[in-house]
Amino acid sequence: MRKPSLIPCVSALVLAFSANLYAKTSAPPKPAVTFQEAQHCRINGTVDYGCFQQKLAQFEQFVLQDDAGWLQKSIVAEALVKTYDALKISSPNDPAVRAKARIFAKANEVLDKSELGEIDDCRDENNPDGCLKTRYCFKEAYIKIKNVLVTNEPERFQAEIRWFDKETKGNC
C-alpha cells in the first residue's frame, strides 16, 4: 500500500501563501506607512525634492484622500507645495493640494505662540498628531483648527472634520 504524498498539500499551501502575500503587497500603503515615507523625505524641516517627486502621487493621495491626522496631512501638503515650486513640476492634483495647504496655513494663524511651539516640538515625531494629544492635550487648539476648516471650504475637509470630531471627544 502506498502512502499519500505530501507534495500536493505543501504545493497548495505555498500557492495560497504566496497569493495572500501578493494581495497584501499590492494594496495601497496605509496612511501611517505613507506618512513615515514622507517623514524620511523631510530631514529637520528640509524637503528632499527628489524623494518627494518619486512618490508624488502617493503623497498627494495621502493629503487629499487618506484618513490621517491633521498635522500629518499639513506637513505633507507643505512639503508637496515646496516640491512643486522648487522643481517647477505640475500635477493634476497640484491645485487641490495647494488649496488644502493654504487652509492648513490659515488654521495655524489662529493658534497662539505656545500652541505653534507645541506643533514644532511634535513635527518630526513618527506620529505628530498623537504627540500633540498625549504631550500637550491639544484639544482646545484642535477646536480652533476645526473651526477654520468648517468655515473655509468644508467640502474639501470632510475627512479632517470627522477626524477632529473623533479626537476632541473624551478627556486628555
Foldseek 3Di string as FASTA:
>chain_A
DDDDDCVVVVVVVVVVVVVVVVVVVVDQDALLVLLVQQLVQADLNRGVLVSCVVCVVSLLCSLQPHLAAPLSSLSSLVNSLVSCVVVVDDDPSVVLSVLSNVLSVVLVVVDDPVLVVLLSVQNSPSRSVVSCCVVPVCLVSLVSSLVSCVVRPVVRCVSNNVVNVVSNPDGD
